[in-house]
């Protein structure tokens, strides 16, 4: 089993978080060899609960600045930035993503 990587989240910018690799362009849509970002688990889960892989591409949310400036995730980022690194809130997929 791979050891957890601790560091600074590329999206919320909290320090000391357990990080996961996020493909900025989904692999299934051609992003296998394109840039990735290291995100904390809550941010990574939140992205995939709010957007489908197709949304990420069609809404041009394939960069960290684009995600940080998107209003759909902005309230979550304001919340999570105030939380300590170990906090992993429950995430519920949006109805639109569930119906995919």
PDB file of N, CA and C in Angstrom:
ATOM      1  N   UNK A   1       0.838  -1.178   0.000  1.00  0.00           N
ATOM      2  CA  UNK A   1       0.000   0.000   0.000  1.00  0.00           C
ATOM      3  C   UNK A   1       0.890   1.252   0.000  1.00  0.00           C
ATOM      4  N   UNK A   2       0.517   2.220  -0.793  1.00  0.00           N
ATOM      5  CA  UNK A   2       1.288   3.445  -0.952  1.00  0.00           C
ATOM      6  C   UNK A   2       1.115   4.343   0.277  1.00  0.00           C
ATOM      7  N   UNK A   3       2.223   4.890   0.761  1.00  0.00           N
ATOM      8  CA  UNK A   3       2.165   5.786   1.922  1.00  0.00           C
ATOM      9  C   UNK A   3       1.492   7.097   1.528  1.00  0.00           C
ATOM     10  N   UNK A   4       0.782   7.686   2.464  1.00  0.00           N
ATOM     11  CA  UNK A   4       0.086   8.946   2.215  1.00  0.00           C
ATOM     12  C   UNK A   4       1.108  10.063   2.014  1.00  0.00           C
ATOM     13  N   UNK A   5       0.800  10.931   1.065  1.00  0.00           N
ATOM     14  CA  UNK A   5       1.633  12.096   0.816  1.00  0.00           C
ATOM     15  C   UNK A   5       1.010  13.280   1.528  1.00  0.00           C
ATOM     16  N   UNK A   6       1.782  13.947   2.373  1.00  0.00           N
ATOM     17  CA  UNK A   6       1.292  15.125   3.063  1.00  0.00           C
ATOM     18  C   UNK A   6       1.896  16.361   2.427  1.00  0.00           C
ATOM     19  N   UNK A   7       1.084  17.409   2.341  1.00  0.00           N
ATOM     20  CA  UNK A   7       1.590  18.646   1.759  1.00  0.00           C
ATOM     21  C   UNK A   7       0.498  19.685   1.647  1.00  0.00           C
ATOM     22  N   UNK A   8       0.705  20.621   0.726  1.00  0.00           N
ATOM     23  CA  UNK A   8      -0.217  21.732   0.522  1.00  0.00           C
ATOM     24  C   UNK A   8      -1.172  21.400  -0.625  1.00  0.00           C
ATOM     25  N   UNK A   9      -2.465  21.528  -0.363  1.00  0.00           N
ATOM     26  CA  UNK A   9      -3.478  21.271  -1.384  1.00  0.00           C
ATOM     27  C   UNK A   9      -3.379  22.341  -2.473  1.00  0.00           C
ATOM     28  N   UNK A  10      -3.401  21.912  -3.710  1.00  0.00           N
ATOM     29  CA  UNK A  10      -3.326  22.828  -4.827  1.00  0.00           C
ATOM     30  C   UNK A  10      -4.575  23.675  -5.014  1.00  0.00           C
ATOM     31  N   UNK A  11      -5.697  23.264  -4.429  1.00  0.00           N
ATOM     32  CA  UNK A  11      -6.945  24.004  -4.628  1.00  0.00           C
ATOM     33  C   UNK A  11      -7.280  24.901  -3.441  1.00  0.00           C
ATOM     34  N   UNK A  12      -7.378  24.335  -2.253  1.00  0.00           N
ATOM     35  CA  UNK A  12      -7.747  25.146  -1.087  1.00  0.00           C
ATOM     36  C   UNK A  12      -6.523  25.768  -0.411  1.00  0.00           C
ATOM     37  N   UNK A  13      -5.340  25.244  -0.732  1.00  0.00           N
ATOM     38  CA  UNK A  13      -4.059  25.751  -0.235  1.00  0.00           C
ATOM     39  C   UNK A  13      -3.824  25.524   1.255  1.00  0.00           C
ATOM     40  N   UNK A  14      -4.557  24.567   1.847  1.00  0.00           N
ATOM     41  CA  UNK A  14      -4.279  24.211   3.250  1.00  0.00           C
ATOM     42  C   UNK A  14      -2.994  23.395   3.303  1.00  0.00           C
ATOM     43  N   UNK A  15      -2.224  23.587   4.356  1.00  0.00           N
ATOM     44  CA  UNK A  15      -0.960  22.872   4.567  1.00  0.00           C
ATOM     45  C   UNK A  15      -1.189  21.617   5.405  1.00  0.00           C
ATOM     46  N   UNK A  16      -0.333  20.623   5.231  1.00  0.00           N
ATOM     47  CA  UNK A  16      -0.355  19.421   6.063  1.00  0.00           C
ATOM     48  C   UNK A  16      -1.485  18.461   5.760  1.00  0.00           C
ATOM     49  N   UNK A  17      -2.027  18.522   4.563  1.00  0.00           N
ATOM     50  CA  UNK A  17      -3.151  17.656   4.168  1.00  0.00           C
ATOM     51  C   UNK A  17      -2.638  16.389   3.501  1.00  0.00           C
ATOM     52  N   UNK A  18      -3.432  15.316   3.624  1.00  0.00           N
ATOM     53  CA  UNK A  18      -3.161  14.103   2.866  1.00  0.00           C
ATOM     54  C   UNK A  18      -3.603  14.382   1.432  1.00  0.00           C
ATOM     55  N   UNK A  19      -2.695  14.187   0.478  1.00  0.00           N
ATOM     56  CA  UNK A  19      -2.956  14.585  -0.894  1.00  0.00           C
ATOM     57  C   UNK A  19      -3.253  13.406  -1.816  1.00  0.00           C
ATOM     58  N   UNK A  20      -4.084  13.675  -2.823  1.00  0.00           N
ATOM     59  CA  UNK A  20      -4.386  12.713  -3.875  1.00  0.00           C
ATOM     60  C   UNK A  20      -4.153  13.393  -5.220  1.00  0.00           C
ATOM     61  N   UNK A  21      -3.873  12.602  -6.233  1.00  0.00           N
ATOM     62  CA  UNK A  21      -3.608  13.153  -7.562  1.00  0.00           C
ATOM     63  C   UNK A  21      -4.920  13.320  -8.328  1.00  0.00           C
ATOM     64  N   UNK A  22      -5.143  14.519  -8.838  1.00  0.00           N
ATOM     65  CA  UNK A  22      -6.341  14.832  -9.623  1.00  0.00           C
ATOM     66  C   UNK A  22      -5.911  15.139 -11.049  1.00  0.00           C
ATOM     67  N   UNK A  23      -6.469  14.415 -12.012  1.00  0.00           N
ATOM     68  CA  UNK A  23      -6.213  14.697 -13.421  1.00  0.00           C
ATOM     69  C   UNK A  23      -7.047  15.909 -13.811  1.00  0.00           C
ATOM     70  N   UNK A  24      -6.387  17.003 -14.136  1.00  0.00           N
ATOM     71  CA  UNK A  24      -7.100  18.245 -14.459  1.00  0.00           C
ATOM     72  C   UNK A  24      -8.005  18.056 -15.670  1.00  0.00           C
ATOM     73  N   UNK A  25      -7.558  17.297 -16.647  1.00  0.00           N
ATOM     74  CA  UNK A  25      -8.415  16.849 -17.742  1.00  0.00           C
ATOM     75  C   UNK A  25      -8.649  15.366 -17.469  1.00  0.00           C
ATOM     76  N   UNK A  26      -9.913  14.945 -17.319  1.00  0.00           N
ATOM     77  CA  UNK A  26     -10.183  13.539 -16.985  1.00  0.00           C
ATOM     78  C   UNK A  26      -9.495  12.567 -17.948  1.00  0.00           C
ATOM     79  N   UNK A  27      -8.980  11.472 -17.400  1.00  0.00           N
ATOM     80  CA  UNK A  27      -8.285  10.471 -18.212  1.00  0.00           C
ATOM     81  C   UNK A  27      -9.171   9.957 -19.342  1.00  0.00           C
ATOM     82  N   UNK A  28     -10.448   9.741 -19.037  1.00  0.00           N
ATOM     83  CA  UNK A  28     -11.355   9.192 -20.059  1.00  0.00           C
ATOM     84  C   UNK A  28     -11.604  10.177 -21.200  1.00  0.00           C
ATOM     85  N   UNK A  29     -11.234  11.436 -20.996  1.00  0.00           N
ATOM     86  CA  UNK A  29     -11.418  12.446 -22.034  1.00  0.00           C
ATOM     87  C   UNK A  29     -10.080  12.947 -22.580  1.00  0.00           C
ATOM     88  N   UNK A  30      -9.071  12.081 -22.491  1.00  0.00           N
ATOM     89  CA  UNK A  30      -7.782  12.387 -23.083  1.00  0.00           C
ATOM     90  C   UNK A  30      -6.737  12.955 -22.149  1.00  0.00           C
ATOM     91  N   UNK A  31      -6.978  12.959 -20.852  1.00  0.00           N
ATOM     92  CA  UNK A  31      -6.057  13.582 -19.921  1.00  0.00           C
ATOM     93  C   UNK A  31      -5.026  12.680 -19.294  1.00  0.00           C
ATOM     94  N   UNK A  32      -4.882  11.456 -19.790  1.00  0.00           N
ATOM     95  CA  UNK A  32      -3.958  10.504 -19.180  1.00  0.00           C
ATOM     96  C   UNK A  32      -2.553  11.073 -19.025  1.00  0.00           C
ATOM     97  N   UNK A  33      -2.052  11.761 -20.042  1.00  0.00           N
ATOM     98  CA  UNK A  33      -0.678  12.261 -20.006  1.00  0.00           C
ATOM     99  C   UNK A  33      -0.623  13.776 -19.868  1.00  0.00           C
ATOM    100  N   UNK A  34      -1.747  14.394 -19.518  1.00  0.00           N
ATOM    101  CA  UNK A  34      -1.803  15.840 -19.320  1.00  0.00           C
ATOM    102  C   UNK A  34      -1.543  16.180 -17.858  1.00  0.00           C
ATOM    103  N   UNK A  35      -1.391  17.448 -17.516  1.00  0.00           N
ATOM    104  CA  UNK A  35      -1.055  17.833 -16.142  1.00  0.00           C
ATOM    105  C   UNK A  35      -2.058  17.349 -15.090  1.00  0.00           C
ATOM    106  N   UNK A  36      -1.516  17.116 -13.899  1.00  0.00           N
ATOM    107  CA  UNK A  36      -2.320  16.732 -12.741  1.00  0.00           C
ATOM    108  C   UNK A  36      -2.051  17.739 -11.626  1.00  0.00           C
ATOM    109  N   UNK A  37      -2.870  17.674 -10.588  1.00  0.00           N
ATOM    110  CA  UNK A  37      -2.680  18.531  -9.415  1.00  0.00           C
ATOM    111  C   UNK A  37      -2.824  17.673  -8.173  1.00  0.00           C
ATOM    112  N   UNK A  38      -2.078  18.013  -7.147  1.00  0.00           N
ATOM    113  CA  UNK A  38      -2.181  17.306  -5.879  1.00  0.00           C
ATOM    114  C   UNK A  38      -3.187  18.057  -5.004  1.00  0.00           C
ATOM    115  N   UNK A  39      -4.286  17.364  -4.672  1.00  0.00           N
ATOM    116  CA  UNK A  39      -5.376  17.965  -3.903  1.00  0.00           C
ATOM    117  C   UNK A  39      -5.630  17.181  -2.636  1.00  0.00           C
ATOM    118  N   UNK A  40      -6.141  17.876  -1.618  1.00  0.00           N
ATOM    119  CA  UNK A  40      -6.563  17.172  -0.404  1.00  0.00           C
ATOM    120  C   UNK A  40      -7.810  16.357  -0.762  1.00  0.00           C
ATOM    121  N   UNK A  41      -8.067  15.347   0.040  1.00  0.00           N
ATOM    122  CA  UNK A  41      -9.210  14.470  -0.233  1.00  0.00           C
ATOM    123  C   UNK A  41     -10.545  15.228  -0.286  1.00  0.00           C
ATOM    124  N   UNK A  42     -10.814  16.156   0.650  1.00  0.00           N
ATOM    125  CA  UNK A  42     -12.097  16.861   0.578  1.00  0.00           C
ATOM    126  C   UNK A  42     -12.278  17.644  -0.727  1.00  0.00           C
ATOM    127  N   UNK A  43     -11.247  18.332  -1.171  1.00  0.00           N
ATOM    128  CA  UNK A  43     -11.354  19.097  -2.423  1.00  0.00           C
ATOM    129  C   UNK A  43     -11.558  18.166  -3.613  1.00  0.00           C
ATOM    130  N   UNK A  44     -10.812  17.070  -3.643  1.00  0.00           N
ATOM    131  CA  UNK A  44     -10.919  16.121  -4.750  1.00  0.00           C
ATOM    132  C   UNK A  44     -12.333  15.527  -4.796  1.00  0.00           C
ATOM    133  N   UNK A  45     -12.840  15.132  -3.634  1.00  0.00           N
ATOM    134  CA  UNK A  45     -14.193  14.573  -3.585  1.00  0.00           C
ATOM    135  C   UNK A  45     -15.235  15.612  -3.997  1.00  0.00           C
ATOM    136  N   UNK A  46     -15.046  16.841  -3.553  1.00  0.00           N
ATOM    137  CA  UNK A  46     -16.015  17.895  -3.858  1.00  0.00           C
ATOM    138  C   UNK A  46     -16.079  18.173  -5.358  1.00  0.00           C
ATOM    139  N   UNK A  47     -14.941  18.196  -6.013  1.00  0.00           N
ATOM    140  CA  UNK A  47     -14.929  18.412  -7.466  1.00  0.00           C
ATOM    141  C   UNK A  47     -15.790  17.359  -8.154  1.00  0.00           C
ATOM    142  N   UNK A  48     -15.559  16.098  -7.798  1.00  0.00           N
ATOM    143  CA  UNK A  48     -16.275  15.017  -8.476  1.00  0.00           C
ATOM    144  C   UNK A  48     -17.722  14.872  -8.012  1.00  0.00           C
ATOM    145  N   UNK A  49     -18.088  15.525  -6.930  1.00  0.00           N
ATOM    146  CA  UNK A  49     -19.490  15.507  -6.519  1.00  0.00           C
ATOM    147  C   UNK A  49     -20.281  16.626  -7.194  1.00  0.00           C
ATOM    148  N   UNK A  50     -19.589  17.668  -7.632  1.00  0.00           N
ATOM    149  CA  UNK A  50     -20.267  18.807  -8.263  1.00  0.00           C
ATOM    150  C   UNK A  50     -20.270  18.755  -9.783  1.00  0.00           C
ATOM    151  N   UNK A  51     -19.249  18.145 -10.358  1.00  0.00           N
ATOM    152  CA  UNK A  51     -19.090  18.170 -11.805  1.00  0.00           C
ATOM    153  C   UNK A  51     -18.904  16.761 -12.356  1.00  0.00           C
ATOM    154  N   UNK A  52     -19.468  16.514 -13.528  1.00  0.00           N
ATOM    155  CA  UNK A  52     -19.152  15.281 -14.241  1.00  0.00           C
ATOM    156  C   UNK A  52     -17.820  15.503 -14.949  1.00  0.00           C
ATOM    157  N   UNK A  53     -17.217  14.451 -15.446  1.00  0.00           N
ATOM    158  CA  UNK A  53     -15.970  14.603 -16.195  1.00  0.00           C
ATOM    159  C   UNK A  53     -16.191  15.472 -17.432  1.00  0.00           C
ATOM    160  N   UNK A  54     -17.345  15.309 -18.052  1.00  0.00           N
ATOM    161  CA  UNK A  54     -17.665  16.122 -19.227  1.00  0.00           C
ATOM    162  C   UNK A  54     -17.779  17.600 -18.846  1.00  0.00           C
ATOM    163  N   UNK A  55     -18.378  17.879 -17.670  1.00  0.00           N
ATOM    164  CA  UNK A  55     -18.497  19.263 -17.191  1.00  0.00           C
ATOM    165  C   UNK A  55     -17.128  19.914 -17.053  1.00  0.00           C
ATOM    166  N   UNK A  56     -16.189  19.181 -16.493  1.00  0.00           N
ATOM    167  CA  UNK A  56     -14.861  19.743 -16.263  1.00  0.00           C
ATOM    168  C   UNK A  56     -14.238  20.240 -17.563  1.00  0.00           C
ATOM    169  N   UNK A  57     -14.480  19.514 -18.644  1.00  0.00           N
ATOM    170  CA  UNK A  57     -13.917  19.907 -19.938  1.00  0.00           C
ATOM    171  C   UNK A  57     -14.764  20.996 -20.592  1.00  0.00           C
ATOM    172  N   UNK A  58     -16.076  20.802 -20.663  1.00  0.00           N
ATOM    173  CA  UNK A  58     -16.923  21.776 -21.376  1.00  0.00           C
ATOM    174  C   UNK A  58     -16.985  23.122 -20.656  1.00  0.00           C
ATOM    175  N   UNK A  59     -16.852  23.127 -19.325  1.00  0.00           N
ATOM    176  CA  UNK A  59     -16.855  24.386 -18.578  1.00  0.00           C
ATOM    177  C   UNK A  59     -15.444  24.965 -18.431  1.00  0.00           C
ATOM    178  N   UNK A  60     -14.482  24.326 -19.070  1.00  0.00           N
ATOM    179  CA  UNK A  60     -13.072  24.757 -19.042  1.00  0.00           C
ATOM    180  C   UNK A  60     -12.529  24.833 -17.617  1.00  0.00           C
ATOM    181  N   UNK A  61     -12.827  23.814 -16.822  1.00  0.00           N
ATOM    182  CA  UNK A  61     -12.342  23.741 -15.440  1.00  0.00           C
ATOM    183  C   UNK A  61     -11.158  22.784 -15.360  1.00  0.00           C
ATOM    184  N   UNK A  62     -10.227  22.941 -16.284  1.00  0.00           N
ATOM    185  CA  UNK A  62      -9.086  22.036 -16.375  1.00  0.00           C
ATOM    186  C   UNK A  62      -7.794  22.668 -15.862  1.00  0.00           C
ATOM    187  N   UNK A  63      -7.939  23.746 -15.090  1.00  0.00           N
ATOM    188  CA  UNK A  63      -6.775  24.354 -14.428  1.00  0.00           C
ATOM    189  C   UNK A  63      -7.190  24.692 -12.991  1.00  0.00           C
ATOM    190  N   UNK A  64      -6.220  24.810 -12.120  1.00  0.00           N
ATOM    191  CA  UNK A  64      -6.510  25.175 -10.731  1.00  0.00           C
ATOM    192  C   UNK A  64      -7.137  26.569 -10.655  1.00  0.00           C
ATOM    193  N   UNK A  65      -6.606  27.592 -11.340  1.00  0.00           N
ATOM    194  CA  UNK A  65      -7.239  28.910 -11.262  1.00  0.00           C
ATOM    195  C   UNK A  65      -8.698  28.898 -11.742  1.00  0.00           C
ATOM    196  N   UNK A  66      -8.990  28.127 -12.775  1.00  0.00           N
ATOM    197  CA  UNK A  66     -10.374  28.055 -13.261  1.00  0.00           C
ATOM    198  C   UNK A  66     -11.280  27.448 -12.195  1.00  0.00           C
ATOM    199  N   UNK A  67     -10.824  26.397 -11.541  1.00  0.00           N
ATOM    200  CA  UNK A  67     -11.613  25.788 -10.462  1.00  0.00           C
ATOM    201  C   UNK A  67     -11.774  26.761  -9.296  1.00  0.00           C
ATOM    202  N   UNK A  68     -10.708  27.445  -8.914  1.00  0.00           N
ATOM    203  CA  UNK A  68     -10.764  28.365  -7.782  1.00  0.00           C
ATOM    204  C   UNK A  68     -11.724  29.528  -8.034  1.00  0.00           C
ATOM    205  N   UNK A  69     -11.913  29.916  -9.274  1.00  0.00           N
ATOM    206  CA  UNK A  69     -12.775  31.050  -9.590  1.00  0.00           C
ATOM    207  C   UNK A  69     -14.193  30.653  -9.980  1.00  0.00           C
ATOM    208  N   UNK A  70     -14.481  29.341 -10.006  1.00  0.00           N
ATOM    209  CA  UNK A  70     -15.821  28.888 -10.372  1.00  0.00           C
ATOM    210  C   UNK A  70     -16.767  29.042  -9.186  1.00  0.00           C
ATOM    211  N   UNK A  71     -17.897  29.676  -9.409  1.00  0.00           N
ATOM    212  CA  UNK A  71     -18.854  29.940  -8.330  1.00  0.00           C
ATOM    213  C   UNK A  71     -19.455  28.674  -7.722  1.00  0.00           C
ATOM    214  N   UNK A  72     -19.527  27.596  -8.483  1.00  0.00           N
ATOM    215  CA  UNK A  72     -20.125  26.356  -7.969  1.00  0.00           C
ATOM    216  C   UNK A  72     -19.337  25.786  -6.801  1.00  0.00           C
ATOM    217  N   UNK A  73     -18.032  25.907  -6.832  1.00  0.00           N
ATOM    218  CA  UNK A  73     -17.195  25.340  -5.771  1.00  0.00           C
ATOM    219  C   UNK A  73     -16.698  26.400  -4.778  1.00  0.00           C
ATOM    220  N   UNK A  74     -16.950  27.665  -5.063  1.00  0.00           N
ATOM    221  CA  UNK A  74     -16.412  28.768  -4.243  1.00  0.00           C
ATOM    222  C   UNK A  74     -16.841  28.693  -2.776  1.00  0.00           C
ATOM    223  N   UNK A  75     -18.105  28.382  -2.508  1.00  0.00           N
ATOM    224  CA  UNK A  75     -18.557  28.342  -1.110  1.00  0.00           C
ATOM    225  C   UNK A  75     -17.881  27.197  -0.354  1.00  0.00           C
ATOM    226  N   UNK A  76     -17.655  26.068  -1.029  1.00  0.00           N
ATOM    227  CA  UNK A  76     -16.948  24.957  -0.394  1.00  0.00           C
ATOM    228  C   UNK A  76     -15.523  25.378  -0.052  1.00  0.00           C
ATOM    229  N   UNK A  77     -14.854  26.073  -0.963  1.00  0.00           N
ATOM    230  CA  UNK A  77     -13.474  26.500  -0.710  1.00  0.00           C
ATOM    231  C   UNK A  77     -13.402  27.465   0.464  1.00  0.00           C
ATOM    232  N   UNK A  78     -14.379  28.361   0.571  1.00  0.00           N
ATOM    233  CA  UNK A  78     -14.399  29.273   1.724  1.00  0.00           C
ATOM    234  C   UNK A  78     -14.546  28.481   3.027  1.00  0.00           C
ATOM    235  N   UNK A  79     -15.370  27.449   3.010  1.00  0.00           N
ATOM    236  CA  UNK A  79     -15.585  26.605   4.199  1.00  0.00           C
ATOM    237  C   UNK A  79     -14.329  25.788   4.535  1.00  0.00           C
ATOM    238  N   UNK A  80     -13.805  25.055   3.556  1.00  0.00           N
ATOM    239  CA  UNK A  80     -12.732  24.099   3.839  1.00  0.00           C
ATOM    240  C   UNK A  80     -11.443  24.798   4.240  1.00  0.00           C
ATOM    241  N   UNK A  81     -11.216  25.996   3.765  1.00  0.00           N
ATOM    242  CA  UNK A  81      -9.995  26.734   4.136  1.00  0.00           C
ATOM    243  C   UNK A  81      -9.935  27.030   5.630  1.00  0.00           C
ATOM    244  N   UNK A  82     -11.078  27.038   6.301  1.00  0.00           N
ATOM    245  CA  UNK A  82     -11.142  27.318   7.742  1.00  0.00           C
ATOM    246  C   UNK A  82     -10.998  26.053   8.584  1.00  0.00           C
ATOM    247  N   UNK A  83     -10.952  24.886   7.939  1.00  0.00           N
ATOM    248  CA  UNK A  83     -10.918  23.616   8.655  1.00  0.00           C
ATOM    249  C   UNK A  83      -9.483  23.120   8.821  1.00  0.00           C
ATOM    250  N   UNK A  84      -9.221  22.389   9.915  1.00  0.00           N
ATOM    251  CA  UNK A  84      -7.885  21.802  10.081  1.00  0.00           C
ATOM    252  C   UNK A  84      -7.655  20.721   9.013  1.00  0.00           C
ATOM    253  N   UNK A  85      -6.386  20.415   8.736  1.00  0.00           N
ATOM    254  CA  UNK A  85      -6.051  19.485   7.654  1.00  0.00           C
ATOM    255  C   UNK A  85      -6.705  18.103   7.735  1.00  0.00           C
ATOM    256  N   UNK A  86      -6.948  17.587   8.920  1.00  0.00           N
ATOM    257  CA  UNK A  86      -7.496  16.234   9.045  1.00  0.00           C
ATOM    258  C   UNK A  86      -8.991  16.126   8.827  1.00  0.00           C
ATOM    259  N   UNK A  87      -9.685  17.228   8.701  1.00  0.00           N
ATOM    260  CA  UNK A  87     -11.143  17.205   8.550  1.00  0.00           C
ATOM    261  C   UNK A  87     -11.516  16.718   7.158  1.00  0.00           C
ATOM    262  N   UNK A  88     -12.393  15.698   7.105  1.00  0.00           N
ATOM    263  CA  UNK A  88     -12.911  15.209   5.835  1.00  0.00           C
ATOM    264  C   UNK A  88     -14.440  15.211   5.941  1.00  0.00           C
ATOM    265  N   UNK A  89     -15.065  16.287   5.456  1.00  0.00           N
ATOM    266  CA  UNK A  89     -16.521  16.390   5.563  1.00  0.00           C
ATOM    267  C   UNK A  89     -17.225  15.401   4.643  1.00  0.00           C
ATOM    268  N   UNK A  90     -18.454  15.056   5.008  1.00  0.00           N
ATOM    269  CA  UNK A  90     -19.259  14.200   4.136  1.00  0.00           C
ATOM    270  C   UNK A  90     -19.603  14.982   2.884  1.00  0.00           C
ATOM    271  N   UNK A  91     -19.591  14.285   1.764  1.00  0.00           N
ATOM    272  CA  UNK A  91     -19.877  14.915   0.483  1.00  0.00           C
ATOM    273  C   UNK A  91     -21.034  14.171  -0.153  1.00  0.00           C
ATOM    274  N   UNK A  92     -21.998  14.927  -0.641  1.00  0.00           N
ATOM    275  CA  UNK A  92     -23.139  14.334  -1.320  1.00  0.00           C
ATOM    276  C   UNK A  92     -23.114  14.801  -2.769  1.00  0.00           C
ATOM    277  N   UNK A  93     -23.183  13.856  -3.701  1.00  0.00           N
ATOM    278  CA  UNK A  93     -23.168  14.238  -5.104  1.00  0.00           C
ATOM    279  C   UNK A  93     -24.408  15.047  -5.437  1.00  0.00           C
ATOM    280  N   UNK A  94     -24.224  16.036  -6.284  1.00  0.00           N
ATOM    281  CA  UNK A  94     -25.357  16.842  -6.712  1.00  0.00           C
ATOM    282  C   UNK A  94     -26.310  15.973  -7.521  1.00  0.00           C
ATOM    283  N   UNK A  95     -27.578  16.328  -7.539  1.00  0.00           N
ATOM    284  CA  UNK A  95     -28.588  15.551  -8.253  1.00  0.00           C
ATOM    285  C   UNK A  95     -28.227  15.441  -9.723  1.00  0.00           C
ATOM    286  N   UNK A  96     -27.690  16.500 -10.288  1.00  0.00           N
ATOM    287  CA  UNK A  96     -27.323  16.491 -11.707  1.00  0.00           C
ATOM    288  C   UNK A  96     -26.216  15.479 -11.987  1.00  0.00           C
ATOM    289  N   UNK A  97     -25.248  15.380 -11.095  1.00  0.00           N
ATOM    290  CA  UNK A  97     -24.152  14.417 -11.269  1.00  0.00           C
ATOM    291  C   UNK A  97     -24.660  13.000 -11.043  1.00  0.00           C
ATOM    292  N   UNK A  98     -25.542  12.800 -10.086  1.00  0.00           N
ATOM    293  CA  UNK A  98     -26.098  11.457  -9.832  1.00  0.00           C
ATOM    294  C   UNK A  98     -26.897  10.950 -11.017  1.00  0.00           C
ATOM    295  N   UNK A  99     -27.554  11.838 -11.751  1.00  0.00           N
ATOM    296  CA  UNK A  99     -28.396  11.428 -12.874  1.00  0.00           C
ATOM    297  C   UNK A  99     -27.590  11.142 -14.122  1.00  0.00           C
ATOM    298  N   UNK A 100     -26.359  11.384 -14.092  1.00  0.00           N
ATOM    299  CA  UNK A 100     -25.463  11.201 -15.243  1.00  0.00           C
ATOM    300  C   UNK A 100     -25.585   9.848 -15.848  1.00  0.00           C
TER     301      UNK A 100
END
